[in-house]
Amino acid sequence: MTRRERTVDVLVVGGGPAGLGAGAELAASGAGRVEILEREQTAGGIPRHCAHGGFGDRTPVLGGGTTGPAYARGCVAAAVRSGAVLRTGVTVTGWAGPLTVDTTAPTGLERITARAVVLATGARERPRSARLVPGSRPPGVYTTGELQQAVHLYRQRIGTRAVVIGDEPVGRAAVDTLRVAGADVVAVVTDRPHSRLAALTRRGDRPPVLDDTTVTGLTGRERLTGVEVRHRDGRTTTLRCDTVVFTGDWIPDHELARRGAITLDPGTRGPAYDAAHRTTRNGVFAVGNLLHGVESAAFAAAEGRAVAAPLLRHLANGAWPEGRPPVTVAAPLSWIAPNLVGPDGDAPPHDRFSLRTTRRLSSPLLVARQDGRVLHRQRLLRPAVPGLPFHLRADWLDRVDPGGGAVRIEAN
């Protein structure tokens, strides 16, 4: 089948909050023809099937504090109103050149060349198969996203007794969705020694939480019948249930970036990028939870809007930096974003880096070093806990040697 070839000024891949925010701001700022491609039939990303409230950045444009579907519709309306072209049901299948992609859609095959590309493909929860949980594979096993789609989009019936795996903030959404569907939440299981679920649920509305507990297997054939767990003291238990939801443990949807030979950061597993959202491929920018799984929809949308200024500069002068020093972290820190230092002094959003840790740190001292030289020290006044962001000021970036080695962040 022949591919139709055409050109645009900016191509945005991904129609979630980040991609829609980027498309809206770029089109409104005069970037030319801005086209947003979304593989789903409806744009809006994960918020489309999150029926709970709390979405939005409390701006009048998107009606902050609204439900997920309403927030998604607001993002779509803002992009279309700005003049961006939104095309749904279109899948980008690969690269055909530095800034050229191949696509497939019900209308046929296309090859699209842009002056700049924005990757906004988001992140997904790690499924059961990727978590190496042994046992059978019966019906009744979900991620939070799959559960929310089944309940809120497709009105499907699920089970009556459920176990939730993981206590990240998305775990609360899973608990709420199960209760909307009429299921009894038997337990929340987490391998962390101290669950945060108490802080994320209302008093009197908290399911039993099994801390320091590991899932060792699933049972059942025609339908899930139980979740096998092992407690810290070695005791084993089978939690009788017909539904289990694996939550959190986010993976950036980086396949397109990987196929384009874009360097991936070993911590975030998304594209390495600087504060101007430039990746290691000339003309390719990246935004949203593709870069750091996972932040709020409002944060992702704000990142999308923030890419407009550096992208417009690139369209005007064609400049692209080479040899940017990476920013790395030492254990127990797991990642930092952004993770490249650009040469032009651009600061990250809110003039700070975002970090994660694998274990709880009480008021840690964060130290930034390059080639043995201390660039910055900062004591956090609050504990850093796994699964939640904490921040490092970025007012020391002018001390980085652009020709030097990696900048390393340690927690003491």
Protein backbone atom coordinates (compact mmCIF):
# COMPACT_ATOMS: atom_id res chain seq x y z
CA MET A 1 0.00 0.00 0.00
CA THR A 2 1.36 3.44 -0.92
CA ARG A 3 2.10 5.90 1.87
CA ARG A 4 0.84 9.43 1.53
CA GLU A 5 3.67 11.87 2.32
CA ARG A 6 3.15 15.31 3.78
CA THR A 7 4.78 17.89 6.07
CA VAL A 8 3.83 19.84 9.19
CA ASP A 9 5.69 22.35 11.33
CA VAL A 10 5.38 20.56 14.68
CA LEU A 11 4.24 16.98 15.22
CA VAL A 12 3.12 15.99 18.73
CA VAL A 13 2.94 12.24 19.37
CA GLY A 14 0.48 11.54 22.17
CA GLY A 15 -2.86 13.15 23.01
CA GLY A 16 -2.84 13.05 26.81
CA PRO A 17 -2.57 16.15 29.04
CA ALA A 18 1.10 16.75 28.13
CA GLY A 19 0.64 16.41 24.37
CA LEU A 20 -2.56 18.45 24.36
CA GLY A 21 -0.91 21.14 26.50
CA ALA A 22 2.05 21.29 24.12
CA GLY A 23 -0.17 21.44 21.05
CA ALA A 24 -2.37 24.16 22.51
CA GLU A 25 0.52 26.41 23.55
CA LEU A 26 2.48 25.90 20.32
CA ALA A 27 -0.50 26.60 18.07
CA ALA A 28 -1.47 29.66 20.10
CA SER A 29 2.14 30.91 19.94
CA GLY A 30 2.33 30.85 16.13
CA ALA A 31 4.38 27.69 15.57
CA GLY A 32 2.63 27.06 12.24
CA ARG A 33 0.75 23.84 11.52
CA VAL A 34 0.75 21.87 14.77
CA GLU A 35 -0.62 18.34 14.59
CA ILE A 36 -1.33 16.04 17.55
CA LEU A 37 -1.52 12.28 16.92
CA GLU A 38 -3.36 10.03 19.39
CA ARG A 39 -3.59 6.26 18.91
CA GLU A 40 -6.81 5.93 20.95
CA GLN A 41 -10.13 6.86 19.40
CA THR A 42 -10.61 9.56 22.04
CA ALA A 43 -7.89 11.95 23.22
CA GLY A 44 -7.33 12.95 26.83
CA GLY A 45 -5.06 10.21 28.18
CA ILE A 46 -5.45 8.49 31.54
CA PRO A 47 -7.86 11.10 33.01
CA ARG A 48 -10.55 9.92 30.55
CA HIS A 49 -11.27 6.89 32.70
CA CYS A 50 -10.60 8.39 36.15
CA ALA A 51 -14.07 9.23 37.42
CA HIS A 52 -12.83 10.66 40.73
CA GLY A 53 -12.33 14.38 41.29
CA GLY A 54 -9.22 16.40 42.07
CA PHE A 55 -8.03 16.99 38.50
CA GLY A 56 -6.88 20.34 37.19
CA ASP A 57 -4.56 23.10 38.26
CA ARG A 58 -7.36 25.33 39.51
CA THR A 59 -7.29 27.64 36.52
CA PRO A 60 -10.50 28.95 34.96
CA VAL A 61 -9.49 27.55 31.56
CA LEU A 62 -9.79 23.91 32.61
CA GLY A 63 -12.05 24.22 35.63
CA GLY A 64 -9.65 22.93 38.31
CA GLY A 65 -10.70 20.33 40.80
CA THR A 66 -12.96 18.54 38.35
CA THR A 67 -13.34 14.86 37.44
CA GLY A 68 -10.90 13.12 35.12
CA PRO A 69 -13.23 12.89 32.09
CA ALA A 70 -14.19 16.57 32.41
CA TYR A 71 -10.54 17.54 32.74
CA ALA A 72 -9.65 15.51 29.64
CA ARG A 73 -12.43 17.18 27.65
CA GLY A 74 -11.11 20.57 28.78
CA CYS A 75 -7.60 19.72 27.57
CA VAL A 76 -8.95 18.59 24.20
CA ALA A 77 -11.10 21.71 23.82
CA ALA A 78 -8.16 24.00 24.67
CA ALA A 79 -5.95 22.35 22.04
CA VAL A 80 -8.57 22.48 19.31
CA ARG A 81 -9.57 26.04 20.20
CA SER A 82 -5.94 27.16 19.86
CA GLY A 83 -5.79 25.89 16.28
CA ALA A 84 -3.93 22.61 16.74
CA VAL A 85 -5.05 19.73 14.49
CA LEU A 86 -6.00 16.70 16.60
CA ARG A 87 -6.12 13.32 14.87
CA THR A 88 -7.24 10.26 16.82
CA GLY A 89 -6.98 6.57 15.95
CA VAL A 90 -3.52 7.18 14.45
CA THR A 91 -0.56 5.03 15.51
CA VAL A 92 3.06 6.05 14.89
CA THR A 93 4.83 2.83 13.89
CA GLY A 94 8.41 4.05 13.53
CA TRP A 95 10.91 6.56 12.19
CA ALA A 96 11.63 7.02 8.48
CA GLY A 97 14.11 9.87 8.93
CA PRO A 98 15.51 12.28 11.55
CA LEU A 99 12.17 14.10 11.89
CA THR A 100 9.97 11.81 9.79
CA VAL A 101 7.58 9.18 11.15
CA ASP A 102 5.43 6.49 9.60
CA THR A 103 1.83 6.20 10.75
CA THR A 104 -1.11 3.90 10.26
CA ALA A 105 -4.78 4.72 10.64
CA PRO A 106 -8.13 3.51 9.33
CA THR A 107 -7.74 6.09 6.55
CA GLY A 108 -4.44 4.56 5.38
CA LEU A 109 -0.68 4.85 5.72
CA GLU A 110 1.18 8.14 5.95
CA ARG A 111 4.74 9.43 6.21
CA ILE A 112 4.87 12.76 8.04
CA THR A 113 7.91 15.06 8.17
CA ALA A 114 8.07 17.87 10.71
CA ARG A 115 10.43 20.68 11.56
CA ALA A 116 10.26 19.52 15.19
CA VAL A 117 8.73 16.54 17.00
CA VAL A 118 7.36 16.42 20.57
CA LEU A 119 7.13 12.98 22.18
CA ALA A 120 4.32 12.84 24.75
CA THR A 121 3.58 9.11 24.85
CA GLY A 122 3.12 8.93 28.63
CA ALA A 123 3.63 6.02 31.01
CA ARG A 124 1.81 2.83 31.94
CA GLU A 125 1.63 0.64 35.03
CA ARG A 126 3.79 -2.45 34.98
CA PRO A 127 1.44 -5.41 34.37
CA ARG A 128 1.43 -8.63 36.35
CA SER A 129 3.41 -10.44 33.62
CA ALA A 130 6.27 -7.93 33.91
CA ARG A 131 6.35 -8.20 37.73
CA LEU A 132 7.31 -11.89 37.54
CA VAL A 133 4.48 -13.00 39.83
CA PRO A 134 4.17 -16.79 39.49
CA GLY A 135 0.99 -18.86 39.32
CA SER A 136 -1.87 -19.26 36.88
CA ARG A 137 -3.26 -16.52 34.63
CA PRO A 138 -7.00 -16.53 35.27
CA PRO A 139 -9.49 -13.74 34.50
CA GLY A 140 -9.81 -11.14 37.25
CA VAL A 141 -6.28 -9.63 37.08
CA TYR A 142 -6.07 -5.88 36.32
CA THR A 143 -3.87 -2.82 36.48
CA THR A 144 -5.55 0.34 37.81
CA GLY A 145 -5.96 1.67 34.28
CA GLU A 146 -7.53 -1.56 33.05
CA LEU A 147 -9.88 -1.60 36.05
CA GLN A 148 -10.96 2.01 35.52
CA GLN A 149 -11.61 1.41 31.83
CA ALA A 150 -13.63 -1.72 32.59
CA VAL A 151 -15.76 0.04 35.22
CA HIS A 152 -16.09 3.59 33.92
CA LEU A 153 -15.75 3.29 30.12
CA TYR A 154 -17.14 -0.14 29.30
CA ARG A 155 -19.48 -0.66 32.29
CA GLN A 156 -18.22 -4.20 32.71
CA ARG A 157 -18.93 -6.30 35.78
CA ILE A 158 -15.92 -7.28 37.86
CA GLY A 159 -15.63 -9.49 40.93
CA THR A 160 -16.96 -9.13 44.46
CA ARG A 161 -13.81 -9.58 46.60
CA ALA A 162 -10.64 -7.72 45.62
CA VAL A 163 -7.00 -7.35 46.67
CA VAL A 164 -5.01 -4.24 45.73
CA ILE A 165 -1.23 -4.57 45.26
CA GLY A 166 0.79 -1.43 46.01
CA ASP A 167 0.22 1.68 48.12
CA GLU A 168 1.23 4.51 45.78
CA PRO A 169 -1.37 7.29 45.44
CA VAL A 170 -2.91 5.47 42.47
CA GLY A 171 -3.80 2.69 44.92
CA ARG A 172 -6.46 4.93 46.45
CA ALA A 173 -8.01 5.36 43.01
CA ALA A 174 -8.07 1.58 42.62
CA VAL A 175 -9.78 1.17 46.00
CA ASP A 176 -12.38 3.83 45.14
CA THR A 177 -13.06 2.28 41.72
CA LEU A 178 -13.54 -1.17 43.23
CA ARG A 179 -16.04 0.20 45.72
CA VAL A 180 -17.94 2.01 42.98
CA ALA A 181 -18.16 -1.36 41.21
CA GLY A 182 -19.58 -2.94 44.36
CA ALA A 183 -16.52 -5.02 45.28
CA ASP A 184 -15.30 -5.54 48.85
CA VAL A 185 -11.60 -4.67 49.22
CA VAL A 186 -10.17 -7.56 51.23
CA ALA A 187 -6.70 -6.04 51.67
CA VAL A 188 -4.06 -3.72 50.29
CA VAL A 189 -0.67 -5.46 50.05
CA THR A 190 2.62 -3.55 49.99
CA ASP A 191 6.22 -4.67 50.36
CA ARG A 192 7.09 -1.39 52.06
CA PRO A 193 7.51 -1.46 55.84
CA HIS A 194 5.22 1.52 56.40
CA SER A 195 2.23 2.03 54.12
CA ARG A 196 1.16 5.55 53.15
CA LEU A 197 -2.40 4.45 52.47
CA ALA A 198 -3.59 5.87 55.80
CA ALA A 199 -2.61 9.33 54.56
CA LEU A 200 -4.37 8.75 51.25
CA THR A 201 -7.75 7.47 52.48
CA ARG A 202 -10.44 8.85 54.73
CA ARG A 203 -10.67 7.71 58.35
CA GLY A 204 -13.18 4.88 58.64
CA ASP A 205 -12.80 4.18 54.92
CA ARG A 206 -9.46 2.37 54.97
CA PRO A 207 -9.17 -1.25 53.87
CA PRO A 208 -6.88 -3.62 55.81
CA VAL A 209 -3.25 -2.98 54.89
CA LEU A 210 -0.58 -5.69 54.93
CA ASP A 211 2.81 -3.94 55.26
CA ASP A 212 6.14 -5.61 54.53
CA THR A 213 4.31 -8.33 52.59
CA THR A 214 5.26 -9.85 49.24
CA VAL A 215 2.97 -11.39 46.64
CA THR A 216 4.25 -14.89 45.84
CA GLY A 217 1.58 -16.19 43.47
CA LEU A 218 -1.96 -16.20 42.07
CA THR A 219 -4.35 -19.14 42.19
CA GLY A 220 -7.35 -20.14 40.09
CA ARG A 221 -8.05 -21.31 36.55
CA GLU A 222 -11.45 -20.26 35.18
CA ARG A 223 -11.39 -17.31 37.60
CA LEU A 224 -8.94 -15.94 40.14
CA THR A 225 -9.49 -17.59 43.51
CA GLY A 226 -6.70 -16.14 45.66
CA VAL A 227 -3.50 -14.16 46.11
CA GLU A 228 -0.65 -15.92 47.90
CA VAL A 229 1.51 -13.67 50.09
CA ARG A 230 4.50 -14.00 52.39
CA HIS A 231 4.85 -11.78 55.46
CA ARG A 232 8.11 -10.37 56.76
CA ASP A 233 8.30 -13.01 59.50
CA GLY A 234 8.04 -15.81 56.93
CA ARG A 235 4.37 -16.66 57.43
CA THR A 236 2.41 -17.39 54.25
CA THR A 237 -1.26 -16.67 53.63
CA THR A 238 -3.71 -17.01 50.76
CA LEU A 239 -6.10 -14.06 50.50
CA ARG A 240 -9.34 -15.38 49.04
CA CYS A 241 -10.55 -13.09 46.25
CA ASP A 242 -11.79 -13.06 42.67
CA THR A 243 -10.14 -9.79 41.62
CA VAL A 244 -6.62 -8.41 42.05
CA VAL A 245 -5.38 -4.98 40.96
CA PHE A 246 -1.67 -4.28 40.44
CA THR A 247 -1.11 -0.57 40.97
CA GLY A 248 1.75 1.86 40.35
CA ASP A 249 5.29 0.82 39.36
CA TRP A 250 5.13 3.06 36.31
CA ILE A 251 7.03 2.44 33.07
CA PRO A 252 7.55 5.25 30.54
CA ASP A 253 6.05 4.30 27.17
CA HIS A 254 9.44 4.82 25.51
CA GLU A 255 9.29 2.41 22.56
CA LEU A 256 9.20 5.16 19.93
CA ALA A 257 12.07 7.00 21.62
CA ARG A 258 14.09 3.79 21.78
CA ARG A 259 13.48 3.04 18.10
CA GLY A 260 14.75 6.52 17.32
CA ALA A 261 18.07 5.79 19.09
CA ILE A 262 17.27 8.48 21.66
CA THR A 263 19.33 8.00 24.83
CA LEU A 264 17.24 6.71 27.74
CA ASP A 265 18.05 7.73 31.30
CA PRO A 266 18.87 4.62 33.38
CA GLY A 267 16.90 5.94 36.35
CA THR A 268 13.66 7.20 34.85
CA ARG A 269 13.84 4.79 31.86
CA GLY A 270 12.46 7.65 29.76
CA PRO A 271 14.40 9.85 27.31
CA ALA A 272 17.30 11.77 28.78
CA TYR A 273 16.44 15.48 28.52
CA ASP A 274 17.45 18.94 29.68
CA ALA A 275 15.40 21.76 31.18
CA ALA A 276 14.37 22.86 27.67
CA HIS A 277 12.89 19.37 27.10
CA ARG A 278 15.46 18.60 24.40
CA THR A 279 16.36 14.93 23.99
CA THR A 280 19.61 13.63 22.50
CA ARG A 281 18.09 13.66 18.98
CA ASN A 282 18.23 16.97 17.10
CA GLY A 283 14.76 18.49 16.82
CA VAL A 284 13.04 15.96 19.10
CA PHE A 285 11.58 17.22 22.37
CA ALA A 286 9.83 15.20 25.09
CA VAL A 287 7.30 16.10 27.79
CA GLY A 288 5.06 14.59 30.45
CA ASN A 289 5.16 11.22 32.12
CA LEU A 290 7.21 9.71 29.33
CA LEU A 291 10.05 11.48 31.15
CA HIS A 292 9.25 10.57 34.75
CA GLY A 293 6.51 8.13 35.66
CA VAL A 294 4.43 9.44 37.17
CA GLU A 295 3.34 12.99 38.02
CA SER A 296 -0.14 14.51 38.12
CA ALA A 297 -2.09 15.36 34.98
CA ALA A 298 -1.79 19.06 35.79
CA PHE A 299 2.01 18.74 36.09
CA ALA A 300 2.18 16.91 32.75
CA ALA A 301 0.01 19.55 31.07
CA ALA A 302 2.19 22.33 32.48
CA GLU A 303 5.29 20.61 31.08
CA GLY A 304 3.58 20.41 27.72
CA ARG A 305 2.91 24.13 27.74
CA ALA A 306 6.48 24.84 28.88
CA VAL A 307 8.03 23.17 25.82
CA ALA A 308 6.62 25.87 23.52
CA ALA A 309 9.23 28.56 24.24
CA PRO A 310 12.37 26.44 23.66
CA LEU A 311 10.80 24.74 20.65
CA LEU A 312 9.99 28.09 19.06
CA ARG A 313 13.59 29.17 19.62
CA HIS A 314 14.74 26.00 17.88
CA LEU A 315 12.46 26.67 14.90
CA ALA A 316 13.91 30.19 14.66
CA ASN A 317 17.63 29.37 14.89
CA GLY A 318 17.98 25.61 14.41
CA ALA A 319 20.47 25.37 17.29
CA TRP A 320 20.85 22.08 19.20
CA PRO A 321 23.40 21.50 21.99
CA GLU A 322 25.97 18.72 21.96
CA GLY A 323 27.79 17.03 24.83
CA ARG A 324 25.53 18.06 27.70
CA PRO A 325 26.70 16.70 31.10
CA PRO A 326 24.27 14.11 32.50
CA VAL A 327 22.83 14.44 35.99
CA THR A 328 22.98 11.12 37.86
CA VAL A 329 22.03 9.94 41.35
CA ALA A 330 23.58 7.63 43.93
CA ALA A 331 21.57 5.01 45.82
CA PRO A 332 19.18 5.11 47.58
CA LEU A 333 18.05 7.87 45.18
CA SER A 334 16.44 6.25 42.14
CA TRP A 335 16.21 9.09 39.61
CA ILE A 336 16.29 12.81 38.95
CA ALA A 337 14.57 14.90 36.28
CA PRO A 338 15.66 16.72 34.18
CA ASN A 339 18.82 14.65 33.78
CA LEU A 340 20.91 16.65 31.29
CA VAL A 341 22.43 20.11 31.87
CA GLY A 342 21.83 22.41 28.93
CA PRO A 343 24.29 25.13 27.90
CA ASP A 344 21.88 28.04 27.78
CA GLY A 345 20.86 28.43 31.42
CA ASP A 346 17.29 27.15 31.12
CA ALA A 347 15.95 26.15 34.54
CA PRO A 348 13.55 23.25 35.20
CA PRO A 349 9.88 23.97 35.99
CA HIS A 350 9.57 25.97 39.22
CA ASP A 351 13.40 26.25 39.20
CA ARG A 352 13.87 22.82 40.78
CA PHE A 353 14.67 19.20 39.98
CA SER A 354 12.31 16.33 40.87
CA LEU A 355 13.72 13.23 42.57
CA ARG A 356 12.62 9.85 43.89
CA THR A 357 14.09 7.52 46.50
CA THR A 358 13.87 3.77 47.04
CA ARG A 359 13.66 4.08 50.83
CA ARG A 360 12.58 6.59 53.42
CA LEU A 361 15.12 9.33 54.19
CA SER A 362 14.68 11.56 57.25
CA SER A 363 15.70 15.16 56.45
CA PRO A 364 18.44 14.13 54.00
CA LEU A 365 21.29 16.41 52.95
CA LEU A 366 21.39 16.51 49.14
CA VAL A 367 24.83 17.21 47.66
CA ALA A 368 25.56 17.94 43.99
CA ARG A 369 29.11 17.26 42.77
CA GLN A 370 30.91 17.41 39.45
CA ASP A 371 34.42 15.97 39.03
CA GLY A 372 34.86 16.00 42.82
CA ARG A 373 33.81 19.65 43.16
CA VAL A 374 30.79 20.46 45.37
CA LEU A 375 28.28 22.57 43.46
CA HIS A 376 25.42 22.69 45.94
CA ARG A 377 24.21 21.43 49.33
CA GLN A 378 20.60 21.43 50.45
CA ARG A 379 19.00 20.00 53.58
CA LEU A 380 15.40 18.84 53.15
CA LEU A 381 13.13 19.83 56.01
CA ARG A 382 10.77 16.91 55.45
CA PRO A 383 11.33 13.18 54.98
CA ALA A 384 11.73 11.83 51.45
CA VAL A 385 9.59 8.72 50.97
CA PRO A 386 9.36 6.17 48.14
CA GLY A 387 6.77 6.86 45.45
CA LEU A 388 6.42 10.59 46.12
CA PRO A 389 8.41 13.46 44.59
CA PHE A 390 10.80 15.69 46.47
CA HIS A 391 12.84 18.52 45.07
CA LEU A 392 16.31 19.99 44.70
CA ARG A 393 16.74 23.69 43.94
CA ALA A 394 18.32 24.47 40.56
CA ASP A 395 19.93 27.82 41.38
CA TRP A 396 23.42 26.22 41.15
CA LEU A 397 23.33 25.28 37.46
CA ASP A 398 25.59 28.20 36.51
CA ARG A 399 28.39 26.45 38.43
CA VAL A 400 28.30 23.38 36.19
CA ASP A 401 31.24 23.01 33.79
CA PRO A 402 29.60 22.27 30.40
CA GLY A 403 32.73 20.44 29.30
CA GLY A 404 33.07 18.47 32.53
CA GLY A 405 31.86 15.07 33.63
CA ALA A 406 28.55 13.95 35.02
CA VAL A 407 26.90 15.85 37.86
CA ARG A 408 26.17 13.41 40.67
CA ILE A 409 23.50 13.89 43.35
CA GLU A 410 23.96 12.11 46.68
CA ALA A 411 21.74 11.92 49.77
CA ASN A 412 23.62 11.96 53.09
